[in-house]
Amino acid sequence: MYQSLDEVEPRLLTSLLAASDYRIRAAAVRVAGAWQGRLTDPLALLKTAVADEQPLVRLETVRALARIPNTPAAELAVTVL
């Protein structure tokens, strides 16, 4: 809902990144990538997703990190390997 309204809601995003359903976590990571320019610290939000047990979440994390144009994002993306 917030994404379709283009309304950044970091507290909700943080809770969705910790959801028990991996599909929700993957969608939340995708939203974090779209909102990365308007989040205070997108790398902090994505750090746990890099080591998620589900491959889909890790894939979405690498895609989200690719949207962040800095060296720490690239270094974090490489840790998925």
Protein backbone atom coordinates (compact mmCIF):
# COMPACT_ATOMS: atom_id res chain seq x y z
CA MET A 1 0.00 0.00 0.00
CA TYR A 2 2.68 2.49 1.01
CA GLN A 3 4.80 1.62 -2.00
CA SER A 4 1.93 2.23 -4.39
CA LEU A 5 1.34 5.60 -2.71
CA ASP A 6 5.10 6.29 -2.82
CA GLU A 7 5.03 6.94 0.91
CA VAL A 8 8.17 5.79 2.74
CA GLU A 9 7.34 4.03 6.00
CA PRO A 10 10.62 2.77 7.55
CA ARG A 11 9.09 1.25 10.71
CA LEU A 12 6.70 -0.92 8.71
CA LEU A 13 9.50 -1.87 6.32
CA THR A 14 11.71 -2.93 9.23
CA SER A 15 9.00 -5.16 10.64
CA LEU A 16 8.32 -6.73 7.23
CA LEU A 17 12.02 -7.48 6.75
CA ALA A 18 11.76 -9.65 9.88
CA ALA A 19 8.56 -11.47 8.83
CA SER A 20 8.38 -15.23 9.19
CA ASP A 21 7.18 -15.68 5.58
CA TYR A 22 10.14 -15.48 3.19
CA ARG A 23 7.94 -14.05 0.42
CA ILE A 24 7.12 -11.08 2.61
CA ARG A 25 10.81 -10.60 3.43
CA ALA A 26 11.69 -10.73 -0.28
CA ALA A 27 9.02 -8.16 -1.13
CA ALA A 28 10.22 -5.92 1.70
CA VAL A 29 13.78 -6.11 0.39
CA ARG A 30 12.52 -5.16 -3.07
CA VAL A 31 10.78 -2.12 -1.57
CA ALA A 32 13.93 -1.20 0.40
CA GLY A 33 15.81 -1.15 -2.90
CA ALA A 34 13.21 1.11 -4.47
CA TRP A 35 13.24 3.45 -1.47
CA GLN A 36 17.00 3.31 -0.84
CA GLY A 37 17.51 6.97 -1.71
CA ARG A 38 14.97 8.05 0.88
CA LEU A 39 15.89 5.71 3.71
CA THR A 40 18.25 6.85 6.46
CA ASP A 41 20.49 3.77 6.32
CA PRO A 42 19.44 1.25 3.67
CA LEU A 43 22.57 -0.86 4.17
CA ALA A 44 21.69 -1.46 7.82
CA LEU A 45 18.25 -2.69 6.75
CA LEU A 46 19.72 -5.05 4.16
CA LYS A 47 22.56 -6.54 6.25
CA THR A 48 20.48 -9.35 7.71
CA ALA A 49 18.78 -10.10 4.39
CA VAL A 50 22.16 -10.90 2.81
CA ALA A 51 22.41 -13.97 5.04
CA ASP A 52 18.75 -15.01 4.83
CA GLU A 53 18.13 -18.75 4.59
CA GLN A 54 15.91 -18.32 1.53
CA PRO A 55 17.59 -17.85 -1.88
CA LEU A 56 14.82 -15.54 -3.12
CA VAL A 57 15.45 -13.10 -0.27
CA ARG A 58 19.19 -13.13 -0.94
CA LEU A 59 18.58 -12.57 -4.68
CA GLU A 60 16.32 -9.60 -3.99
CA THR A 61 18.94 -8.26 -1.58
CA VAL A 62 21.63 -8.31 -4.27
CA ARG A 63 19.23 -6.56 -6.66
CA ALA A 64 18.46 -3.92 -4.01
CA LEU A 65 22.15 -3.41 -3.23
CA ALA A 66 22.86 -2.92 -6.94
CA ARG A 67 20.74 0.23 -6.78
CA ILE A 68 22.99 1.75 -4.10
CA PRO A 69 25.98 3.34 -5.85
CA ASN A 70 28.71 2.97 -3.26
CA THR A 71 31.50 0.61 -2.28
CA PRO A 72 29.96 -0.66 1.01
CA ALA A 73 26.87 -1.80 -0.92
CA ALA A 74 29.02 -3.71 -3.40
CA GLU A 75 31.03 -5.28 -0.59
CA LEU A 76 27.85 -6.36 1.16
CA ALA A 77 26.47 -7.83 -2.09
CA VAL A 78 29.59 -9.96 -2.53
CA THR A 79 29.01 -11.59 0.87
CA VAL A 80 26.03 -13.43 -0.62
CA LEU A 81 28.49 -15.61 -2.52
